[in-house]
PDB file of N, CA and C in Angstrom:
ATOM      1  N   UNK A   1     -19.594  13.628 -10.043  1.00  0.00           N
ATOM      2  CA  UNK A   1     -19.451  13.151  -8.664  1.00  0.00           C
ATOM      3  C   UNK A   1     -19.449  11.624  -8.647  1.00  0.00           C
ATOM      4  N   UNK A   2     -18.595  11.083  -7.840  1.00  0.00           N
ATOM      5  CA  UNK A   2     -18.598   9.627  -7.721  1.00  0.00           C
ATOM      6  C   UNK A   2     -19.435   9.202  -6.504  1.00  0.00           C
ATOM      7  N   UNK A   3     -19.556   7.925  -6.323  1.00  0.00           N
ATOM      8  CA  UNK A   3     -20.433   7.372  -5.286  1.00  0.00           C
ATOM      9  C   UNK A   3     -19.977   7.761  -3.883  1.00  0.00           C
ATOM     10  N   UNK A   4     -18.681   7.872  -3.664  1.00  0.00           N
ATOM     11  CA  UNK A   4     -18.170   8.239  -2.340  1.00  0.00           C
ATOM     12  C   UNK A   4     -18.606   9.653  -1.977  1.00  0.00           C
ATOM     13  N   UNK A   5     -18.504  10.587  -2.915  1.00  0.00           N
ATOM     14  CA  UNK A   5     -18.925  11.967  -2.637  1.00  0.00           C
ATOM     15  C   UNK A   5     -20.425  12.047  -2.372  1.00  0.00           C
ATOM     16  N   UNK A   6     -21.208  11.287  -3.124  1.00  0.00           N
ATOM     17  CA  UNK A   6     -22.657  11.271  -2.907  1.00  0.00           C
ATOM     18  C   UNK A   6     -22.980  10.708  -1.530  1.00  0.00           C
ATOM     19  N   UNK A   7     -22.305   9.632  -1.151  1.00  0.00           N
ATOM     20  CA  UNK A   7     -22.528   9.030   0.164  1.00  0.00           C
ATOM     21  C   UNK A   7     -22.100   9.969   1.288  1.00  0.00           C
ATOM     22  N   UNK A   8     -20.967  10.634   1.128  1.00  0.00           N
ATOM     23  CA  UNK A   8     -20.504  11.589   2.139  1.00  0.00           C
ATOM     24  C   UNK A   8     -21.505  12.726   2.309  1.00  0.00           C
ATOM     25  N   UNK A   9     -22.004  13.270   1.215  1.00  0.00           N
ATOM     26  CA  UNK A   9     -22.995  14.355   1.292  1.00  0.00           C
ATOM     27  C   UNK A   9     -24.296  13.872   1.937  1.00  0.00           C
ATOM     28  N   UNK A  10     -24.696  12.644   1.635  1.00  0.00           N
ATOM     29  CA  UNK A  10     -25.910  12.081   2.234  1.00  0.00           C
ATOM     30  C   UNK A  10     -25.763  11.948   3.747  1.00  0.00           C
ATOM     31  N   UNK A  11     -24.610  11.500   4.186  1.00  0.00           N
ATOM     32  CA  UNK A  11     -24.363  11.359   5.626  1.00  0.00           C
ATOM     33  C   UNK A  11     -24.352  12.726   6.300  1.00  0.00           C
ATOM     34  N   UNK A  12     -23.741  13.715   5.646  1.00  0.00           N
ATOM     35  CA  UNK A  12     -23.717  15.067   6.212  1.00  0.00           C
ATOM     36  C   UNK A  12     -25.124  15.654   6.292  1.00  0.00           C
ATOM     37  N   UNK A  13     -25.959  15.401   5.302  1.00  0.00           N
ATOM     38  CA  UNK A  13     -27.352  15.858   5.356  1.00  0.00           C
ATOM     39  C   UNK A  13     -28.076  15.185   6.513  1.00  0.00           C
ATOM     40  N   UNK A  14     -27.823  13.885   6.693  1.00  0.00           N
ATOM     41  CA  UNK A  14     -28.413  13.173   7.831  1.00  0.00           C
ATOM     42  C   UNK A  14     -27.963  13.804   9.152  1.00  0.00           C
ATOM     43  N   UNK A  15     -26.663  14.085   9.282  1.00  0.00           N
ATOM     44  CA  UNK A  15     -26.142  14.642  10.528  1.00  0.00           C
ATOM     45  C   UNK A  15     -26.742  16.012  10.835  1.00  0.00           C
ATOM     46  N   UNK A  16     -26.949  16.819   9.815  1.00  0.00           N
ATOM     47  CA  UNK A  16     -27.463  18.173  10.019  1.00  0.00           C
ATOM     48  C   UNK A  16     -28.984  18.203  10.120  1.00  0.00           C
ATOM     49  N   UNK A  17     -29.657  17.420   9.270  1.00  0.00           N
ATOM     50  CA  UNK A  17     -31.106  17.537   9.167  1.00  0.00           C
ATOM     51  C   UNK A  17     -31.925  16.540   9.952  1.00  0.00           C
ATOM     52  N   UNK A  18     -31.441  15.323  10.115  1.00  0.00           N
ATOM     53  CA  UNK A  18     -32.245  14.268  10.745  1.00  0.00           C
ATOM     54  C   UNK A  18     -31.776  13.943  12.157  1.00  0.00           C
ATOM     55  N   UNK A  19     -30.484  13.806  12.339  1.00  0.00           N
ATOM     56  CA  UNK A  19     -29.930  13.399  13.629  1.00  0.00           C
ATOM     57  C   UNK A  19     -30.362  14.286  14.803  1.00  0.00           C
ATOM     58  N   UNK A  20     -30.407  15.616  14.659  1.00  0.00           N
ATOM     59  CA  UNK A  20     -30.849  16.433  15.797  1.00  0.00           C
ATOM     60  C   UNK A  20     -32.291  16.143  16.230  1.00  0.00           C
ATOM     61  N   UNK A  21     -33.135  15.720  15.310  1.00  0.00           N
ATOM     62  CA  UNK A  21     -34.528  15.415  15.639  1.00  0.00           C
ATOM     63  C   UNK A  21     -34.655  14.061  16.334  1.00  0.00           C
ATOM     64  N   UNK A  22     -33.771  13.132  16.019  1.00  0.00           N
ATOM     65  CA  UNK A  22     -33.810  11.802  16.623  1.00  0.00           C
ATOM     66  C   UNK A  22     -33.252  11.840  18.042  1.00  0.00           C
ATOM     67  N   UNK A  23     -32.215  12.603  18.247  1.00  0.00           N
ATOM     68  CA  UNK A  23     -31.572  12.687  19.560  1.00  0.00           C
ATOM     69  C   UNK A  23     -30.240  11.966  19.574  1.00  0.00           C
ATOM     70  N   UNK A  24     -29.469  12.228  20.583  1.00  0.00           N
ATOM     71  CA  UNK A  24     -28.138  11.636  20.730  1.00  0.00           C
ATOM     72  C   UNK A  24     -28.251  10.360  21.566  1.00  0.00           C
ATOM     73  N   UNK A  25     -28.282   9.229  20.888  1.00  0.00           N
ATOM     74  CA  UNK A  25     -28.402   7.949  21.579  1.00  0.00           C
ATOM     75  C   UNK A  25     -27.303   6.976  21.191  1.00  0.00           C
ATOM     76  N   UNK A  26     -26.232   7.470  20.635  1.00  0.00           N
ATOM     77  CA  UNK A  26     -25.174   6.594  20.149  1.00  0.00           C
ATOM     78  C   UNK A  26     -24.384   6.012  21.320  1.00  0.00           C
ATOM     79  N   UNK A  27     -24.057   4.737  21.196  1.00  0.00           N
ATOM     80  CA  UNK A  27     -23.316   4.034  22.241  1.00  0.00           C
ATOM     81  C   UNK A  27     -21.810   4.212  22.086  1.00  0.00           C
ATOM     82  N   UNK A  28     -21.379   4.551  20.887  1.00  0.00           N
ATOM     83  CA  UNK A  28     -19.956   4.609  20.592  1.00  0.00           C
ATOM     84  C   UNK A  28     -19.506   6.028  20.266  1.00  0.00           C
ATOM     85  N   UNK A  29     -18.219   6.248  20.462  1.00  0.00           N
ATOM     86  CA  UNK A  29     -17.559   7.480  20.032  1.00  0.00           C
ATOM     87  C   UNK A  29     -16.452   7.041  19.092  1.00  0.00           C
ATOM     88  N   UNK A  30     -16.371   7.505  17.893  1.00  0.00           N
ATOM     89  CA  UNK A  30     -17.246   8.435  17.196  1.00  0.00           C
ATOM     90  C   UNK A  30     -18.577   7.780  16.851  1.00  0.00           C
ATOM     91  N   UNK A  31     -19.572   8.609  16.553  1.00  0.00           N
ATOM     92  CA  UNK A  31     -20.883   8.087  16.193  1.00  0.00           C
ATOM     93  C   UNK A  31     -20.772   7.259  14.920  1.00  0.00           C
ATOM     94  N   UNK A  32     -21.785   6.476  14.637  1.00  0.00           N
ATOM     95  CA  UNK A  32     -21.744   5.617  13.450  1.00  0.00           C
ATOM     96  C   UNK A  32     -21.636   6.431  12.163  1.00  0.00           C
ATOM     97  N   UNK A  33     -22.280   7.579  12.114  1.00  0.00           N
ATOM     98  CA  UNK A  33     -22.170   8.394  10.906  1.00  0.00           C
ATOM     99  C   UNK A  33     -20.763   8.977  10.763  1.00  0.00           C
ATOM    100  N   UNK A  34     -20.165   9.411  11.853  1.00  0.00           N
ATOM    101  CA  UNK A  34     -18.779   9.890  11.792  1.00  0.00           C
ATOM    102  C   UNK A  34     -17.818   8.751  11.445  1.00  0.00           C
ATOM    103  N   UNK A  35     -18.095   7.576  11.982  1.00  0.00           N
ATOM    104  CA  UNK A  35     -17.296   6.384  11.699  1.00  0.00           C
ATOM    105  C   UNK A  35     -17.331   6.079  10.201  1.00  0.00           C
ATOM    106  N   UNK A  36     -18.519   6.175   9.616  1.00  0.00           N
ATOM    107  CA  UNK A  36     -18.666   5.917   8.182  1.00  0.00           C
ATOM    108  C   UNK A  36     -17.893   6.942   7.355  1.00  0.00           C
ATOM    109  N   UNK A  37     -17.984   8.207   7.729  1.00  0.00           N
ATOM    110  CA  UNK A  37     -17.250   9.255   7.009  1.00  0.00           C
ATOM    111  C   UNK A  37     -15.748   8.999   7.096  1.00  0.00           C
ATOM    112  N   UNK A  38     -15.259   8.698   8.279  1.00  0.00           N
ATOM    113  CA  UNK A  38     -13.824   8.453   8.450  1.00  0.00           C
ATOM    114  C   UNK A  38     -13.365   7.229   7.661  1.00  0.00           C
ATOM    115  N   UNK A  39     -14.171   6.188   7.655  1.00  0.00           N
ATOM    116  CA  UNK A  39     -13.781   4.978   6.923  1.00  0.00           C
ATOM    117  C   UNK A  39     -13.828   5.202   5.410  1.00  0.00           C
ATOM    118  N   UNK A  40     -14.787   6.005   4.921  1.00  0.00           N
ATOM    119  CA  UNK A  40     -14.833   6.310   3.493  1.00  0.00           C
ATOM    120  C   UNK A  40     -13.615   7.119   3.050  1.00  0.00           C
ATOM    121  N   UNK A  41     -13.138   7.981   3.911  1.00  0.00           N
ATOM    122  CA  UNK A  41     -11.963   8.797   3.582  1.00  0.00           C
ATOM    123  C   UNK A  41     -10.694   7.952   3.608  1.00  0.00           C
ATOM    124  N   UNK A  42     -10.608   7.024   4.558  1.00  0.00           N
ATOM    125  CA  UNK A  42      -9.377   6.260   4.742  1.00  0.00           C
ATOM    126  C   UNK A  42      -9.283   5.009   3.862  1.00  0.00           C
ATOM    127  N   UNK A  43     -10.397   4.339   3.625  1.00  0.00           N
ATOM    128  CA  UNK A  43     -10.378   3.052   2.927  1.00  0.00           C
ATOM    129  C   UNK A  43     -11.187   3.105   1.635  1.00  0.00           C
ATOM    130  N   UNK A  44     -11.212   1.988   0.938  1.00  0.00           N
ATOM    131  CA  UNK A  44     -12.004   1.892  -0.285  1.00  0.00           C
ATOM    132  C   UNK A  44     -13.496   1.854   0.060  1.00  0.00           C
ATOM    133  N   UNK A  45     -14.322   2.051  -0.948  1.00  0.00           N
ATOM    134  CA  UNK A  45     -15.767   2.080  -0.766  1.00  0.00           C
ATOM    135  C   UNK A  45     -16.271   0.789  -0.129  1.00  0.00           C
ATOM    136  N   UNK A  46     -15.868  -0.359  -0.669  1.00  0.00           N
ATOM    137  CA  UNK A  46     -16.376  -1.640  -0.189  1.00  0.00           C
ATOM    138  C   UNK A  46     -15.918  -1.949   1.234  1.00  0.00           C
ATOM    139  N   UNK A  47     -14.672  -1.654   1.534  1.00  0.00           N
ATOM    140  CA  UNK A  47     -14.175  -1.893   2.891  1.00  0.00           C
ATOM    141  C   UNK A  47     -14.874  -0.962   3.880  1.00  0.00           C
ATOM    142  N   UNK A  48     -15.118   0.282   3.491  1.00  0.00           N
ATOM    143  CA  UNK A  48     -15.813   1.229   4.367  1.00  0.00           C
ATOM    144  C   UNK A  48     -17.238   0.778   4.656  1.00  0.00           C
ATOM    145  N   UNK A  49     -17.932   0.289   3.635  1.00  0.00           N
ATOM    146  CA  UNK A  49     -19.293  -0.214   3.825  1.00  0.00           C
ATOM    147  C   UNK A  49     -19.289  -1.410   4.762  1.00  0.00           C
ATOM    148  N   UNK A  50     -18.375  -2.343   4.545  1.00  0.00           N
ATOM    149  CA  UNK A  50     -18.288  -3.530   5.394  1.00  0.00           C
ATOM    150  C   UNK A  50     -17.980  -3.153   6.842  1.00  0.00           C
ATOM    151  N   UNK A  51     -17.019  -2.264   7.044  1.00  0.00           N
ATOM    152  CA  UNK A  51     -16.668  -1.831   8.398  1.00  0.00           C
ATOM    153  C   UNK A  51     -17.856  -1.159   9.091  1.00  0.00           C
ATOM    154  N   UNK A  52     -18.568  -0.334   8.358  1.00  0.00           N
ATOM    155  CA  UNK A  52     -19.698   0.392   8.933  1.00  0.00           C
ATOM    156  C   UNK A  52     -20.848  -0.548   9.274  1.00  0.00           C
ATOM    157  N   UNK A  53     -21.100  -1.529   8.431  1.00  0.00           N
ATOM    158  CA  UNK A  53     -22.150  -2.509   8.729  1.00  0.00           C
ATOM    159  C   UNK A  53     -21.805  -3.336   9.963  1.00  0.00           C
ATOM    160  N   UNK A  54     -20.532  -3.711  10.077  1.00  0.00           N
ATOM    161  CA  UNK A  54     -20.096  -4.444  11.279  1.00  0.00           C
ATOM    162  C   UNK A  54     -20.301  -3.591  12.525  1.00  0.00           C
ATOM    163  N   UNK A  55     -19.993  -2.316  12.410  1.00  0.00           N
ATOM    164  CA  UNK A  55     -20.151  -1.394  13.545  1.00  0.00           C
ATOM    165  C   UNK A  55     -21.619  -1.274  13.946  1.00  0.00           C
ATOM    166  N   UNK A  56     -22.494  -1.125  12.969  1.00  0.00           N
ATOM    167  CA  UNK A  56     -23.927  -1.005  13.250  1.00  0.00           C
ATOM    168  C   UNK A  56     -24.451  -2.296  13.885  1.00  0.00           C
ATOM    169  N   UNK A  57     -23.963  -3.447  13.440  1.00  0.00           N
ATOM    170  CA  UNK A  57     -24.388  -4.725  14.020  1.00  0.00           C
ATOM    171  C   UNK A  57     -23.920  -4.892  15.464  1.00  0.00           C
ATOM    172  N   UNK A  58     -22.850  -4.230  15.832  1.00  0.00           N
ATOM    173  CA  UNK A  58     -22.369  -4.301  17.226  1.00  0.00           C
ATOM    174  C   UNK A  58     -23.179  -3.416  18.157  1.00  0.00           C
ATOM    175  N   UNK A  59     -24.026  -2.580  17.619  1.00  0.00           N
ATOM    176  CA  UNK A  59     -24.790  -1.634  18.422  1.00  0.00           C
ATOM    177  C   UNK A  59     -26.146  -2.232  18.778  1.00  0.00           C
ATOM    178  N   UNK A  60     -26.242  -2.809  19.947  1.00  0.00           N
ATOM    179  CA  UNK A  60     -27.482  -3.372  20.453  1.00  0.00           C
ATOM    180  C   UNK A  60     -27.492  -3.169  21.964  1.00  0.00           C
ATOM    181  N   UNK A  61     -28.648  -3.286  22.608  1.00  0.00           N
ATOM    182  CA  UNK A  61     -28.758  -2.903  24.028  1.00  0.00           C
ATOM    183  C   UNK A  61     -27.746  -3.558  24.973  1.00  0.00           C
ATOM    184  N   UNK A  62     -27.342  -4.795  24.709  1.00  0.00           N
ATOM    185  CA  UNK A  62     -26.416  -5.466  25.629  1.00  0.00           C
ATOM    186  C   UNK A  62     -24.992  -5.463  25.101  1.00  0.00           C
ATOM    187  N   UNK A  63     -24.734  -4.682  24.062  1.00  0.00           N
ATOM    188  CA  UNK A  63     -23.405  -4.599  23.458  1.00  0.00           C
ATOM    189  C   UNK A  63     -22.496  -3.650  24.213  1.00  0.00           C
ATOM    190  N   UNK A  64     -21.313  -3.541  23.695  1.00  0.00           N
ATOM    191  CA  UNK A  64     -20.335  -2.642  24.303  1.00  0.00           C
ATOM    192  C   UNK A  64     -20.647  -1.185  23.983  1.00  0.00           C
ATOM    193  N   UNK A  65     -19.889  -0.317  24.576  1.00  0.00           N
ATOM    194  CA  UNK A  65     -20.003   1.104  24.287  1.00  0.00           C
ATOM    195  C   UNK A  65     -18.648   1.742  24.555  1.00  0.00           C
ATOM    196  N   UNK A  66     -18.519   3.013  24.208  1.00  0.00           N
ATOM    197  CA  UNK A  66     -17.276   3.723  24.479  1.00  0.00           C
ATOM    198  C   UNK A  66     -16.544   4.105  23.212  1.00  0.00           C
ATOM    199  N   UNK A  67     -15.243   4.316  23.345  1.00  0.00           N
ATOM    200  CA  UNK A  67     -14.404   4.757  22.241  1.00  0.00           C
ATOM    201  C   UNK A  67     -14.102   3.594  21.321  1.00  0.00           C
ATOM    202  N   UNK A  68     -14.443   3.743  20.041  1.00  0.00           N
ATOM    203  CA  UNK A  68     -14.238   2.689  19.050  1.00  0.00           C
ATOM    204  C   UNK A  68     -13.797   3.328  17.734  1.00  0.00           C
ATOM    205  N   UNK A  69     -12.510   3.655  17.611  1.00  0.00           N
ATOM    206  CA  UNK A  69     -12.034   4.325  16.394  1.00  0.00           C
ATOM    207  C   UNK A  69     -11.904   3.345  15.229  1.00  0.00           C
ATOM    208  N   UNK A  70     -11.792   3.882  14.008  1.00  0.00           N
ATOM    209  CA  UNK A  70     -11.517   3.008  12.884  1.00  0.00           C
ATOM    210  C   UNK A  70     -10.079   2.537  13.003  1.00  0.00           C
ATOM    211  N   UNK A  71      -9.808   1.366  12.491  1.00  0.00           N
ATOM    212  CA  UNK A  71      -8.464   0.794  12.638  1.00  0.00           C
ATOM    213  C   UNK A  71      -7.724   0.831  11.342  1.00  0.00           C
TER     214      UNK A  71
END
């Protein structure tokens, strides 16, 4: 298994096992975990990580919300 598959499985475990306990509080659609999965599938590992970190940094109480697809 390469690092992308391990990261994808980790995110899926988070979505199934941890996210339901935390609650649905995401400001964006798709959620940050879905955004990360989509970016890992579409782009290289490093670009996906960078895009996901930028997305997480945009998520703060006075930030935007709504539909924010990967580009």
